[in-house]
Amino acid sequence: MRKTIIGVMGPGNHPTEIDLHRAYRLGQLIAQEGWVLLTGGRKVGVMDAASKGAQAAGGLTVGILPDNNTSEISEAVDIAIITNMDSARNNINVLSSDVVIACGMGTGTASEVALALKNGKQVVLLTDDQNSQRFFTNLSPEQVFLVNSPEAAIKLVKELGIGN
């Protein structure tokens, strides 16, 4: 039986402390559900925090790397996929995920959310950025869901029928 893959996307550069805390907790909760965590795989920002949280809870982590620099891989990534595709790897991130949880917001995260929506994926926004909330919910109200905690994100994923 195929495992459920939860993509956690968020800023690598300049994440807030809240983003990092939420990402770590998301990683833990995803692992506790027995789901696979998929991130951008690098040892910075939300992707690193989520991977560390999942690994600490005994979960499986997959990282989709933008380049071929293996020194940038998070130590908490179990399976590293080396793409050397730069930002084009964002499409792989979202297409490989059963749902995308955006934890915080940056330009790369915004591109991943847009690609997820374009490909019919459901997106959970865990960000305090009201401009991003308005933009994405206006763009695709039937696919974008707003939450204010990692626990609420996981509850929503279950309510959407993902991972059951």
N, C-alpha and C. Protein backbone atom coordinates (compact mmCIF):
# COMPACT_ATOMS: atom_id res chain seq x y z
N MET A 1 0.84 -1.18 0.00
CA MET A 1 0.00 0.00 0.00
C MET A 1 0.89 1.25 0.00
N ARG A 2 0.57 2.18 -0.88
CA ARG A 2 1.37 3.39 -1.00
C ARG A 2 1.23 4.25 0.25
N LYS A 3 2.33 4.82 0.68
CA LYS A 3 2.32 5.71 1.84
C LYS A 3 1.83 7.10 1.45
N THR A 4 1.19 7.76 2.38
CA THR A 4 0.75 9.15 2.20
C THR A 4 1.96 10.06 2.29
N ILE A 5 2.08 10.98 1.33
CA ILE A 5 3.20 11.93 1.31
C ILE A 5 2.65 13.32 1.54
N ILE A 6 3.16 13.97 2.58
CA ILE A 6 2.75 15.32 2.93
C ILE A 6 3.90 16.26 2.61
N GLY A 7 3.66 17.18 1.69
CA GLY A 7 4.66 18.17 1.34
C GLY A 7 4.57 19.37 2.26
N VAL A 8 5.67 19.69 2.91
CA VAL A 8 5.74 20.90 3.73
C VAL A 8 6.69 21.85 3.03
N MET A 9 6.13 22.97 2.60
CA MET A 9 6.89 23.97 1.87
C MET A 9 6.93 25.25 2.71
N GLY A 10 8.01 25.96 2.62
CA GLY A 10 8.14 27.21 3.36
C GLY A 10 9.48 27.85 3.05
N PRO A 11 9.68 29.06 3.56
CA PRO A 11 10.89 29.78 3.23
C PRO A 11 12.16 29.09 3.73
N GLY A 12 13.14 28.99 2.84
CA GLY A 12 14.47 28.54 3.24
C GLY A 12 15.26 29.71 3.80
N ASN A 13 15.09 30.85 3.16
CA ASN A 13 15.78 32.06 3.60
C ASN A 13 14.81 32.95 4.37
N HIS A 14 15.25 33.43 5.48
CA HIS A 14 14.50 34.39 6.30
C HIS A 14 13.16 33.88 6.82
N PRO A 15 13.10 32.63 7.29
CA PRO A 15 11.86 32.20 7.93
C PRO A 15 11.75 32.90 9.29
N THR A 16 10.53 33.03 9.78
CA THR A 16 10.37 33.58 11.12
C THR A 16 10.58 32.47 12.14
N GLU A 17 10.80 32.84 13.38
CA GLU A 17 10.91 31.85 14.44
C GLU A 17 9.62 31.05 14.57
N ILE A 18 8.49 31.71 14.35
CA ILE A 18 7.20 31.02 14.39
C ILE A 18 7.13 29.98 13.28
N ASP A 19 7.58 30.35 12.06
CA ASP A 19 7.61 29.38 10.95
C ASP A 19 8.43 28.15 11.31
N LEU A 20 9.59 28.38 11.89
CA LEU A 20 10.49 27.26 12.23
C LEU A 20 9.87 26.37 13.31
N HIS A 21 9.27 26.97 14.32
CA HIS A 21 8.62 26.20 15.38
C HIS A 21 7.46 25.38 14.81
N ARG A 22 6.65 26.03 13.99
CA ARG A 22 5.51 25.33 13.37
C ARG A 22 5.98 24.20 12.47
N ALA A 23 7.03 24.44 11.69
CA ALA A 23 7.55 23.42 10.77
C ALA A 23 8.05 22.19 11.54
N TYR A 24 8.79 22.44 12.61
CA TYR A 24 9.29 21.33 13.43
C TYR A 24 8.12 20.50 13.96
N ARG A 25 7.12 21.19 14.48
CA ARG A 25 5.93 20.50 15.02
C ARG A 25 5.18 19.76 13.93
N LEU A 26 5.05 20.37 12.75
CA LEU A 26 4.41 19.69 11.62
C LEU A 26 5.14 18.38 11.30
N GLY A 27 6.45 18.46 11.25
CA GLY A 27 7.24 17.26 10.98
C GLY A 27 6.96 16.16 11.99
N GLN A 28 6.91 16.54 13.27
CA GLN A 28 6.61 15.56 14.32
C GLN A 28 5.24 14.93 14.10
N LEU A 29 4.25 15.76 13.87
CA LEU A 29 2.87 15.26 13.73
C LEU A 29 2.72 14.39 12.49
N ILE A 30 3.36 14.76 11.41
CA ILE A 30 3.31 13.96 10.17
C ILE A 30 3.91 12.58 10.44
N ALA A 31 5.05 12.55 11.11
CA ALA A 31 5.68 11.27 11.44
C ALA A 31 4.80 10.43 12.36
N GLN A 32 4.16 11.07 13.33
CA GLN A 32 3.30 10.34 14.26
C GLN A 32 2.10 9.71 13.57
N GLU A 33 1.69 10.29 12.45
CA GLU A 33 0.59 9.71 11.66
C GLU A 33 1.05 8.56 10.78
N GLY A 34 2.37 8.37 10.68
CA GLY A 34 2.91 7.33 9.81
C GLY A 34 3.02 7.77 8.36
N TRP A 35 2.89 9.06 8.13
CA TRP A 35 3.00 9.63 6.79
C TRP A 35 4.46 9.95 6.47
N VAL A 36 4.76 10.12 5.20
CA VAL A 36 6.09 10.51 4.74
C VAL A 36 6.12 12.03 4.59
N LEU A 37 7.17 12.65 5.08
CA LEU A 37 7.37 14.09 4.92
C LEU A 37 8.21 14.35 3.68
N LEU A 38 7.75 15.24 2.83
CA LEU A 38 8.51 15.67 1.66
C LEU A 38 8.78 17.16 1.79
N THR A 39 10.05 17.55 1.62
CA THR A 39 10.45 18.96 1.66
C THR A 39 11.43 19.24 0.53
N GLY A 40 11.93 20.47 0.52
CA GLY A 40 12.96 20.86 -0.43
C GLY A 40 14.33 20.30 -0.10
N GLY A 41 14.47 19.68 1.08
CA GLY A 41 15.65 18.90 1.40
C GLY A 41 16.91 19.60 1.88
N ARG A 42 16.94 20.92 1.79
CA ARG A 42 18.17 21.60 2.18
C ARG A 42 18.24 21.82 3.69
N LYS A 43 19.42 22.14 4.19
CA LYS A 43 19.61 22.32 5.63
C LYS A 43 19.42 23.78 6.06
N VAL A 44 18.33 24.36 5.59
CA VAL A 44 17.98 25.73 5.96
C VAL A 44 16.47 25.85 6.13
N GLY A 45 16.06 26.79 6.94
CA GLY A 45 14.67 27.21 7.02
C GLY A 45 13.66 26.14 7.38
N VAL A 46 12.47 26.32 6.82
CA VAL A 46 11.33 25.46 7.11
C VAL A 46 11.62 24.02 6.72
N MET A 47 12.28 23.80 5.58
CA MET A 47 12.54 22.43 5.13
C MET A 47 13.40 21.66 6.13
N ASP A 48 14.39 22.31 6.70
CA ASP A 48 15.26 21.66 7.67
C ASP A 48 14.51 21.43 8.98
N ALA A 49 13.76 22.43 9.43
CA ALA A 49 13.02 22.30 10.69
C ALA A 49 11.99 21.18 10.61
N ALA A 50 11.25 21.11 9.52
CA ALA A 50 10.24 20.06 9.36
C ALA A 50 10.90 18.68 9.33
N SER A 51 11.99 18.57 8.60
CA SER A 51 12.70 17.29 8.52
C SER A 51 13.22 16.87 9.89
N LYS A 52 13.76 17.80 10.65
CA LYS A 52 14.25 17.48 11.99
C LYS A 52 13.12 17.03 12.90
N GLY A 53 11.96 17.68 12.80
CA GLY A 53 10.82 17.28 13.61
C GLY A 53 10.35 15.88 13.27
N ALA A 54 10.26 15.58 11.98
CA ALA A 54 9.83 14.25 11.55
C ALA A 54 10.83 13.19 11.97
N GLN A 55 12.11 13.48 11.80
CA GLN A 55 13.12 12.50 12.17
C GLN A 55 13.12 12.26 13.67
N ALA A 56 12.93 13.32 14.46
CA ALA A 56 12.89 13.17 15.92
C ALA A 56 11.74 12.28 16.36
N ALA A 57 10.66 12.25 15.57
CA ALA A 57 9.50 11.43 15.90
C ALA A 57 9.53 10.08 15.18
N GLY A 58 10.66 9.74 14.58
CA GLY A 58 10.81 8.43 13.95
C GLY A 58 10.22 8.31 12.56
N GLY A 59 9.98 9.46 11.89
CA GLY A 59 9.36 9.44 10.57
C GLY A 59 10.35 9.32 9.44
N LEU A 60 9.82 9.11 8.26
CA LEU A 60 10.60 9.02 7.03
C LEU A 60 10.56 10.37 6.32
N THR A 61 11.73 10.87 5.92
CA THR A 61 11.82 12.17 5.28
C THR A 61 12.44 12.05 3.89
N VAL A 62 11.85 12.79 2.96
CA VAL A 62 12.33 12.85 1.59
C VAL A 62 12.63 14.31 1.26
N GLY A 63 13.77 14.56 0.64
CA GLY A 63 14.13 15.92 0.23
C GLY A 63 14.37 15.97 -1.26
N ILE A 64 13.71 16.92 -1.93
CA ILE A 64 13.88 17.10 -3.37
C ILE A 64 14.81 18.32 -3.55
N LEU A 65 16.06 18.05 -3.86
CA LEU A 65 17.08 19.09 -3.90
C LEU A 65 17.11 19.86 -5.21
N PRO A 66 17.33 21.18 -5.15
CA PRO A 66 17.32 21.99 -6.36
C PRO A 66 18.60 21.88 -7.19
N ASP A 67 19.67 21.40 -6.59
CA ASP A 67 20.95 21.38 -7.30
C ASP A 67 21.65 20.05 -7.06
N ASN A 68 22.94 20.00 -7.37
CA ASN A 68 23.68 18.76 -7.14
C ASN A 68 24.73 18.92 -6.04
N ASN A 69 24.53 19.92 -5.19
CA ASN A 69 25.44 20.19 -4.08
C ASN A 69 25.01 19.36 -2.87
N THR A 70 25.61 18.20 -2.71
CA THR A 70 25.20 17.30 -1.63
C THR A 70 25.58 17.83 -0.24
N SER A 71 26.44 18.83 -0.16
CA SER A 71 26.79 19.40 1.15
C SER A 71 25.66 20.23 1.72
N GLU A 72 24.66 20.56 0.91
CA GLU A 72 23.52 21.38 1.36
C GLU A 72 22.34 20.54 1.85
N ILE A 73 22.45 19.21 1.82
CA ILE A 73 21.35 18.35 2.23
C ILE A 73 21.21 18.37 3.75
N SER A 74 19.99 18.51 4.22
CA SER A 74 19.72 18.45 5.65
C SER A 74 20.13 17.09 6.19
N GLU A 75 20.74 17.09 7.35
CA GLU A 75 21.12 15.83 8.00
C GLU A 75 19.89 15.02 8.39
N ALA A 76 18.72 15.67 8.41
CA ALA A 76 17.48 14.99 8.79
C ALA A 76 16.71 14.45 7.59
N VAL A 77 17.32 14.46 6.40
CA VAL A 77 16.68 13.89 5.21
C VAL A 77 17.16 12.45 5.04
N ASP A 78 16.21 11.53 5.00
CA ASP A 78 16.54 10.12 4.82
C ASP A 78 16.78 9.78 3.36
N ILE A 79 15.93 10.31 2.48
CA ILE A 79 16.05 10.03 1.05
C ILE A 79 16.19 11.36 0.33
N ALA A 80 17.34 11.57 -0.28
CA ALA A 80 17.61 12.81 -1.02
C ALA A 80 17.48 12.54 -2.51
N ILE A 81 16.65 13.33 -3.17
CA ILE A 81 16.49 13.24 -4.62
C ILE A 81 17.23 14.43 -5.21
N ILE A 82 18.30 14.18 -5.91
CA ILE A 82 19.13 15.23 -6.49
C ILE A 82 18.60 15.55 -7.88
N THR A 83 18.14 16.80 -8.09
CA THR A 83 17.52 17.12 -9.38
C THR A 83 18.39 17.99 -10.28
N ASN A 84 19.20 18.86 -9.71
CA ASN A 84 19.96 19.85 -10.48
C ASN A 84 19.04 20.63 -11.43
N MET A 85 17.82 20.90 -10.95
CA MET A 85 16.80 21.59 -11.76
C MET A 85 16.44 22.97 -11.21
N ASP A 86 17.15 23.42 -10.17
CA ASP A 86 16.88 24.70 -9.54
C ASP A 86 15.40 24.80 -9.16
N SER A 87 14.75 25.90 -9.45
CA SER A 87 13.36 26.09 -9.03
C SER A 87 12.38 25.20 -9.78
N ALA A 88 12.78 24.62 -10.88
CA ALA A 88 11.89 23.70 -11.61
C ALA A 88 11.56 22.49 -10.75
N ARG A 89 12.39 22.21 -9.75
CA ARG A 89 12.13 21.09 -8.86
C ARG A 89 10.88 21.34 -8.02
N ASN A 90 10.41 22.59 -7.94
CA ASN A 90 9.20 22.89 -7.18
C ASN A 90 8.00 22.10 -7.70
N ASN A 91 7.96 21.88 -9.01
CA ASN A 91 6.86 21.11 -9.59
C ASN A 91 6.92 19.66 -9.13
N ILE A 92 8.12 19.11 -9.01
CA ILE A 92 8.29 17.75 -8.50
C ILE A 92 7.80 17.70 -7.05
N ASN A 93 8.15 18.71 -6.27
CA ASN A 93 7.72 18.77 -4.86
C ASN A 93 6.20 18.64 -4.76
N VAL A 94 5.48 19.46 -5.50
CA VAL A 94 4.02 19.48 -5.35
C VAL A 94 3.36 18.27 -6.01
N LEU A 95 3.85 17.84 -7.15
CA LEU A 95 3.24 16.69 -7.82
C LEU A 95 3.45 15.40 -7.03
N SER A 96 4.52 15.33 -6.26
CA SER A 96 4.82 14.13 -5.48
C SER A 96 4.09 14.11 -4.14
N SER A 97 3.46 15.22 -3.76
CA SER A 97 2.77 15.34 -2.47
C SER A 97 1.28 15.09 -2.64
N ASP A 98 0.69 14.42 -1.65
CA ASP A 98 -0.76 14.22 -1.65
C ASP A 98 -1.48 15.50 -1.26
N VAL A 99 -0.84 16.32 -0.48
CA VAL A 99 -1.34 17.64 -0.09
C VAL A 99 -0.11 18.49 0.22
N VAL A 100 -0.25 19.78 0.03
CA VAL A 100 0.85 20.71 0.32
C VAL A 100 0.44 21.56 1.52
N ILE A 101 1.32 21.60 2.52
CA ILE A 101 1.14 22.51 3.64
C ILE A 101 2.21 23.58 3.51
N ALA A 102 1.77 24.82 3.31
CA ALA A 102 2.70 25.96 3.22
C ALA A 102 2.85 26.55 4.61
N CYS A 103 4.03 26.43 5.15
CA CYS A 103 4.34 26.90 6.50
C CYS A 103 5.19 28.15 6.36
N GLY A 104 4.55 29.32 6.48
CA GLY A 104 5.25 30.57 6.19
C GLY A 104 5.12 30.87 4.71
N MET A 105 5.74 31.96 4.29
CA MET A 105 5.62 32.34 2.87
C MET A 105 6.89 33.05 2.42
N GLY A 106 7.30 32.71 1.23
CA GLY A 106 8.41 33.34 0.53
C GLY A 106 8.15 33.16 -0.95
N THR A 107 9.03 33.64 -1.79
CA THR A 107 8.79 33.56 -3.22
C THR A 107 8.77 32.11 -3.72
N GLY A 108 9.68 31.28 -3.22
CA GLY A 108 9.69 29.88 -3.62
C GLY A 108 8.44 29.16 -3.14
N THR A 109 8.02 29.48 -1.92
CA THR A 109 6.80 28.88 -1.37
C THR A 109 5.58 29.29 -2.20
N ALA A 110 5.53 30.57 -2.55
CA ALA A 110 4.41 31.05 -3.37
C ALA A 110 4.36 30.33 -4.70
N SER A 111 5.52 30.07 -5.29
CA SER A 111 5.53 29.35 -6.57
C SER A 111 5.04 27.91 -6.38
N GLU A 112 5.41 27.29 -5.27
CA GLU A 112 4.96 25.92 -5.01
C GLU A 112 3.45 25.88 -4.77
N VAL A 113 2.92 26.87 -4.04
CA VAL A 113 1.47 26.92 -3.82
C VAL A 113 0.76 27.10 -5.16
N ALA A 114 1.25 28.01 -6.00
CA ALA A 114 0.62 28.24 -7.31
C ALA A 114 0.68 26.98 -8.17
N LEU A 115 1.81 26.29 -8.18
CA LEU A 115 1.92 25.05 -8.95
C LEU A 115 0.98 23.98 -8.41
N ALA A 116 0.85 23.90 -7.10
CA ALA A 116 -0.07 22.93 -6.50
C ALA A 116 -1.49 23.22 -6.95
N LEU A 117 -1.89 24.48 -6.90
CA LEU A 117 -3.25 24.84 -7.30
C LEU A 117 -3.47 24.55 -8.78
N LYS A 118 -2.49 24.87 -9.60
CA LYS A 118 -2.60 24.64 -11.04
C LYS A 118 -2.78 23.15 -11.34
N ASN A 119 -2.21 22.32 -10.48
CA ASN A 119 -2.27 20.87 -10.68
C ASN A 119 -3.39 20.21 -9.87
N GLY A 120 -4.31 21.02 -9.35
CA GLY A 120 -5.48 20.47 -8.67
C GLY A 120 -5.24 19.94 -7.27
N LYS A 121 -4.11 20.30 -6.68
CA LYS A 121 -3.79 19.84 -5.33
C LYS A 121 -4.46 20.75 -4.30
N GLN A 122 -4.76 20.18 -3.15
CA GLN A 122 -5.25 20.97 -2.04
C GLN A 122 -4.07 21.54 -1.28
N VAL A 123 -4.24 22.78 -0.82
CA VAL A 123 -3.16 23.49 -0.13
C VAL A 123 -3.67 23.97 1.22
N VAL A 124 -2.90 23.69 2.24
CA VAL A 124 -3.19 24.17 3.59
C VAL A 124 -2.18 25.30 3.86
N LEU A 125 -2.69 26.49 4.13
CA LEU A 125 -1.83 27.63 4.43
C LEU A 125 -1.72 27.80 5.94
N LEU A 126 -0.52 27.63 6.45
CA LEU A 126 -0.22 27.87 7.85
C LEU A 126 0.73 29.06 7.88
N THR A 127 0.15 30.23 7.70
CA THR A 127 0.93 31.46 7.66
C THR A 127 0.09 32.57 8.26
N ASP A 128 0.78 33.51 8.89
CA ASP A 128 0.10 34.68 9.45
C ASP A 128 0.04 35.82 8.44
N ASP A 129 0.63 35.62 7.26
CA ASP A 129 0.68 36.66 6.23
C ASP A 129 -0.70 36.80 5.58
N GLN A 130 -1.40 37.85 5.96
CA GLN A 130 -2.77 38.04 5.49
C GLN A 130 -2.84 38.32 3.99
N ASN A 131 -1.82 38.95 3.44
CA ASN A 131 -1.81 39.18 1.99
C ASN A 131 -1.76 37.86 1.23
N SER A 132 -0.94 36.94 1.68
CA SER A 132 -0.86 35.61 1.05
C SER A 132 -2.17 34.86 1.23
N GLN A 133 -2.75 34.94 2.41
CA GLN A 133 -4.03 34.28 2.66
C GLN A 133 -5.09 34.78 1.69
N ARG A 134 -5.21 36.10 1.56
CA ARG A 134 -6.21 36.69 0.67
C ARG A 134 -5.94 36.31 -0.78
N PHE A 135 -4.70 36.46 -1.21
CA PHE A 135 -4.35 36.19 -2.60
C PHE A 135 -4.71 34.76 -2.99
N PHE A 136 -4.23 33.79 -2.22
CA PHE A 136 -4.44 32.39 -2.62
C PHE A 136 -5.88 31.93 -2.42
N THR A 137 -6.56 32.41 -1.40
CA THR A 137 -7.96 32.01 -1.25
C THR A 137 -8.83 32.65 -2.32
N ASN A 138 -8.50 33.86 -2.75
CA ASN A 138 -9.22 34.48 -3.87
C ASN A 138 -8.94 33.75 -5.17
N LEU A 139 -7.71 33.31 -5.34
CA LEU A 139 -7.31 32.61 -6.55
C LEU A 139 -8.02 31.27 -6.70
N SER A 140 -8.14 30.54 -5.59
CA SER A 140 -8.72 29.20 -5.66
C SER A 140 -9.37 28.83 -4.33
N PRO A 141 -10.53 29.41 -4.04
CA PRO A 141 -11.16 29.19 -2.73
C PRO A 141 -11.53 27.75 -2.42
N GLU A 142 -11.75 26.94 -3.45
CA GLU A 142 -12.13 25.55 -3.20
C GLU A 142 -10.93 24.65 -2.91
N GLN A 143 -9.71 25.13 -3.13
CA GLN A 143 -8.51 24.32 -2.92
C GLN A 143 -7.64 24.81 -1.78
N VAL A 144 -7.86 26.02 -1.28
CA VAL A 144 -6.98 26.61 -0.26
C VAL A 144 -7.71 26.65 1.07
N PHE A 145 -7.02 26.17 2.10
CA PHE A 145 -7.59 26.11 3.44
C PHE A 145 -6.64 26.80 4.41
N LEU A 146 -7.18 27.64 5.27
CA LEU A 146 -6.38 28.40 6.23
C LEU A 146 -6.44 27.74 7.60
N VAL A 147 -5.28 27.62 8.24
CA VAL A 147 -5.21 27.11 9.60
C VAL A 147 -4.24 27.98 10.39
N ASN A 148 -4.28 27.85 11.72
CA ASN A 148 -3.40 28.68 12.54
C ASN A 148 -2.47 27.89 13.45
N SER A 149 -2.42 26.55 13.27
CA SER A 149 -1.50 25.74 14.06
C SER A 149 -1.18 24.45 13.31
N PRO A 150 -0.05 23.83 13.66
CA PRO A 150 0.27 22.54 13.05
C PRO A 150 -0.79 21.48 13.36
N GLU A 151 -1.33 21.50 14.56
CA GLU A 151 -2.36 20.54 14.93
C GLU A 151 -3.61 20.71 14.06
N ALA A 152 -3.99 21.96 13.82
CA ALA A 152 -5.14 22.23 12.96
C ALA A 152 -4.86 21.80 11.52
N ALA A 153 -3.63 21.93 11.07
CA ALA A 153 -3.26 21.50 9.72
C ALA A 153 -3.45 19.99 9.57
N ILE A 154 -2.97 19.24 10.54
CA ILE A 154 -3.08 17.78 10.47
C ILE A 154 -4.54 17.35 10.58
N LYS A 155 -5.30 17.99 11.45
CA LYS A 155 -6.73 17.68 11.57
C LYS A 155 -7.43 17.93 10.24
N LEU A 156 -7.12 19.04 9.59
CA LEU A 156 -7.73 19.37 8.31
C LEU A 156 -7.35 18.35 7.23
N VAL A 157 -6.08 17.96 7.18
CA VAL A 157 -5.64 16.96 6.21
C VAL A 157 -6.49 15.69 6.36
N LYS A 158 -6.71 15.28 7.59
CA LYS A 158 -7.54 14.09 7.83
C LYS A 158 -8.98 14.33 7.38
N GLU A 159 -9.52 15.51 7.68
CA GLU A 159 -10.90 15.84 7.27
C GLU A 159 -11.05 15.85 5.76
N LEU A 160 -9.97 16.18 5.05
CA LEU A 160 -9.99 16.18 3.59
C LEU A 160 -9.91 14.76 3.03
N GLY A 161 -9.73 13.78 3.91
CA GLY A 161 -9.68 12.38 3.48
C GLY A 161 -8.33 11.94 3.00
N ILE A 162 -7.30 12.71 3.32
CA ILE A 162 -5.93 12.37 2.91
C ILE A 162 -5.29 11.57 4.04
N GLY A 163 -4.67 10.48 3.69
CA GLY A 163 -3.98 9.67 4.69
C GLY A 163 -4.86 8.67 5.41
N ASN A 164 -6.10 8.55 5.00
CA ASN A 164 -7.00 7.57 5.64
C ASN A 164 -6.92 6.23 4.95
